[in-house]
């Protein structure tokens, strides 16, 4: 209960701190246009709404350079899970399972991502060096398969 209240407050705060991207309504309700991109890659107009899905801000990156529209810390893996995983590909299968369990308990922010994706292109931004073993990969699969 307390966690949900904190997440709602965080969402309100974040909405006020990051400019929203103006999008044209596409009329396409399928969520197939969900992209993932490293925070250190150059932002692109085709990224649509850029949502940072890491709990920590990427090192050495300014808000201006990142061009993030929204930072959803609450949808990121918990600190404990992130530290346990430590970007070890050998732990990837177990990390996916544990992270999906965390996401089941965080349906509010997952639903928010679904609603944003239904409006138009969304790019899930992450800071990890490994492009195949990070939370954005799992979120993209989750959002495009349900």
Protein backbone atom coordinates (compact mmCIF):
# COMPACT_ATOMS: atom_id res chain seq x y z
CA UNK A 1 0.00 0.00 0.00
CA UNK A 2 2.77 2.41 0.99
CA UNK A 3 4.74 1.52 -2.16
CA UNK A 4 1.77 2.26 -4.41
CA UNK A 5 1.29 5.65 -2.76
CA UNK A 6 4.99 6.48 -3.22
CA UNK A 7 4.84 5.39 -6.88
CA UNK A 8 1.80 7.62 -7.51
CA UNK A 9 3.59 10.57 -5.92
CA UNK A 10 6.69 9.82 -7.98
CA UNK A 11 4.64 9.72 -11.18
CA UNK A 12 3.08 13.10 -10.38
CA UNK A 13 6.48 14.59 -9.63
CA UNK A 14 8.10 13.18 -12.78
CA UNK A 15 5.31 14.38 -15.02
CA UNK A 16 6.01 17.91 -13.83
CA UNK A 17 9.78 17.74 -14.30
CA UNK A 18 10.08 16.38 -17.82
CA UNK A 19 8.50 17.94 -20.91
CA UNK A 20 6.02 15.75 -22.73
CA UNK A 21 6.49 14.91 -26.37
CA UNK A 22 3.66 16.08 -28.57
CA UNK A 23 2.45 13.19 -30.71
CA UNK A 24 -0.06 12.82 -33.47
CA UNK A 25 -2.77 10.28 -32.74
CA UNK A 26 -2.03 7.29 -34.91
CA UNK A 27 -5.27 5.42 -34.42
CA UNK A 28 -3.22 2.24 -34.16
CA UNK A 29 -3.89 0.59 -30.83
CA UNK A 30 -1.33 -2.19 -31.31
CA UNK A 31 1.75 -1.80 -29.17
CA UNK A 32 4.22 -2.96 -31.76
CA UNK A 33 6.17 0.27 -31.92
CA UNK A 34 8.09 -0.11 -28.68
CA UNK A 35 11.80 0.41 -29.16
CA UNK A 36 14.75 0.09 -26.83
CA UNK A 37 17.86 2.24 -26.93
CA UNK A 38 20.93 2.93 -24.83
CA UNK A 39 20.85 6.29 -23.10
CA UNK A 40 24.25 7.08 -24.62
CA UNK A 41 23.00 6.70 -28.20
CA UNK A 42 22.00 9.84 -30.05
CA UNK A 43 18.27 10.63 -29.61
CA UNK A 44 16.21 10.51 -32.79
CA UNK A 45 12.88 12.08 -33.77
CA UNK A 46 11.63 8.59 -34.56
CA UNK A 47 12.13 7.57 -30.91
CA UNK A 48 8.75 9.06 -30.01
CA UNK A 49 8.32 9.28 -26.24
CA UNK A 50 11.64 8.45 -24.57
CA UNK A 51 11.17 6.78 -21.18
CA UNK A 52 14.16 6.01 -18.97
CA UNK A 53 13.54 2.65 -17.27
CA UNK A 54 16.61 2.53 -15.02
CA UNK A 55 16.54 3.14 -11.28
CA UNK A 56 19.77 5.16 -11.51
CA UNK A 57 20.44 8.05 -13.88
CA UNK A 58 23.10 7.07 -16.49
CA UNK A 59 26.55 8.25 -15.46
CA UNK A 60 27.93 11.34 -17.12
CA UNK A 61 24.76 12.07 -19.08
CA UNK A 62 22.98 15.39 -18.77
CA UNK A 63 19.19 15.69 -19.01
CA UNK A 64 19.65 17.83 -22.10
CA UNK A 65 21.77 15.25 -23.90
CA UNK A 66 19.58 12.31 -22.86
CA UNK A 67 16.38 14.00 -24.07
CA UNK A 68 14.32 11.79 -21.79
CA UNK A 69 10.63 12.67 -21.64
CA UNK A 70 9.90 10.65 -18.51
CA UNK A 71 11.97 8.75 -15.94
CA UNK A 72 10.11 5.76 -14.49
CA UNK A 73 12.37 4.60 -11.68
CA UNK A 74 9.57 2.49 -10.23
CA UNK A 75 9.40 0.15 -13.23
CA UNK A 76 13.12 -0.64 -12.97
CA UNK A 77 14.38 -3.74 -11.15
CA UNK A 78 14.67 -3.32 -7.39
CA UNK A 79 18.04 -2.29 -6.02
CA UNK A 80 18.48 -5.76 -4.53
CA UNK A 81 17.74 -7.50 -7.83
CA UNK A 82 19.93 -5.10 -9.80
CA UNK A 83 22.88 -5.66 -7.46
CA UNK A 84 22.36 -9.44 -7.47
CA UNK A 85 22.28 -9.57 -11.29
CA UNK A 86 25.30 -7.28 -11.74
CA UNK A 87 24.86 -7.65 -15.53
CA UNK A 88 26.13 -11.24 -15.40
CA UNK A 89 24.80 -13.06 -18.52
CA UNK A 90 25.02 -16.32 -16.56
CA UNK A 91 22.25 -15.03 -14.28
CA UNK A 92 20.06 -13.79 -17.15
CA UNK A 93 17.40 -16.53 -17.05
CA UNK A 94 16.90 -16.15 -13.29
CA UNK A 95 16.99 -12.34 -13.55
CA UNK A 96 14.20 -12.41 -16.12
CA UNK A 97 12.06 -14.58 -13.88
CA UNK A 98 12.64 -12.46 -10.77
CA UNK A 99 12.11 -9.19 -12.63
CA UNK A 100 8.84 -10.40 -14.16
CA UNK A 101 7.66 -11.24 -10.63
CA UNK A 102 8.52 -7.71 -9.52
CA UNK A 103 6.62 -6.30 -12.50
CA UNK A 104 3.51 -8.29 -11.51
CA UNK A 105 3.56 -6.37 -8.23
CA UNK A 106 3.99 -3.08 -10.09
CA UNK A 107 1.08 -3.24 -12.51
CA UNK A 108 0.34 0.49 -12.19
CA UNK A 109 3.52 1.57 -13.95
CA UNK A 110 3.38 -1.30 -16.46
CA UNK A 111 -0.16 -0.19 -17.33
CA UNK A 112 1.12 3.35 -17.72
CA UNK A 113 3.72 2.11 -20.23
CA UNK A 114 0.99 0.24 -22.13
CA UNK A 115 -1.13 3.39 -22.35
CA UNK A 116 1.83 5.43 -23.59
CA UNK A 117 2.64 2.78 -26.20
CA UNK A 118 -0.98 2.78 -27.38
CA UNK A 119 -0.63 6.52 -28.13
CA UNK A 120 2.40 6.14 -30.41
CA UNK A 121 6.05 5.19 -30.59
CA UNK A 122 7.78 4.68 -27.24
CA UNK A 123 11.49 4.14 -26.74
CA UNK A 124 12.55 2.46 -23.51
CA UNK A 125 15.89 4.02 -22.61
CA UNK A 126 18.47 2.16 -20.50
CA UNK A 127 22.07 2.73 -19.47
CA UNK A 128 23.54 -0.80 -19.46
CA UNK A 129 26.38 -1.61 -21.85
CA UNK A 130 24.93 -5.05 -22.61
CA UNK A 131 22.24 -4.57 -25.25
CA UNK A 132 20.83 -8.09 -24.88
CA UNK A 133 20.74 -8.53 -21.10
CA UNK A 134 18.94 -5.57 -19.50
CA UNK A 135 15.51 -4.66 -18.15
CA UNK A 136 14.44 -2.79 -21.30
CA UNK A 137 14.61 -6.05 -23.28
CA UNK A 138 12.27 -7.72 -20.79
CA UNK A 139 9.88 -4.75 -20.70
CA UNK A 140 9.75 -4.60 -24.50
CA UNK A 141 8.85 -8.30 -24.69
CA UNK A 142 6.27 -7.94 -21.95
CA UNK A 143 4.62 -4.93 -23.57
CA UNK A 144 4.50 -6.43 -27.06
CA UNK A 145 3.23 -9.89 -26.15
CA UNK A 146 0.15 -9.13 -24.05
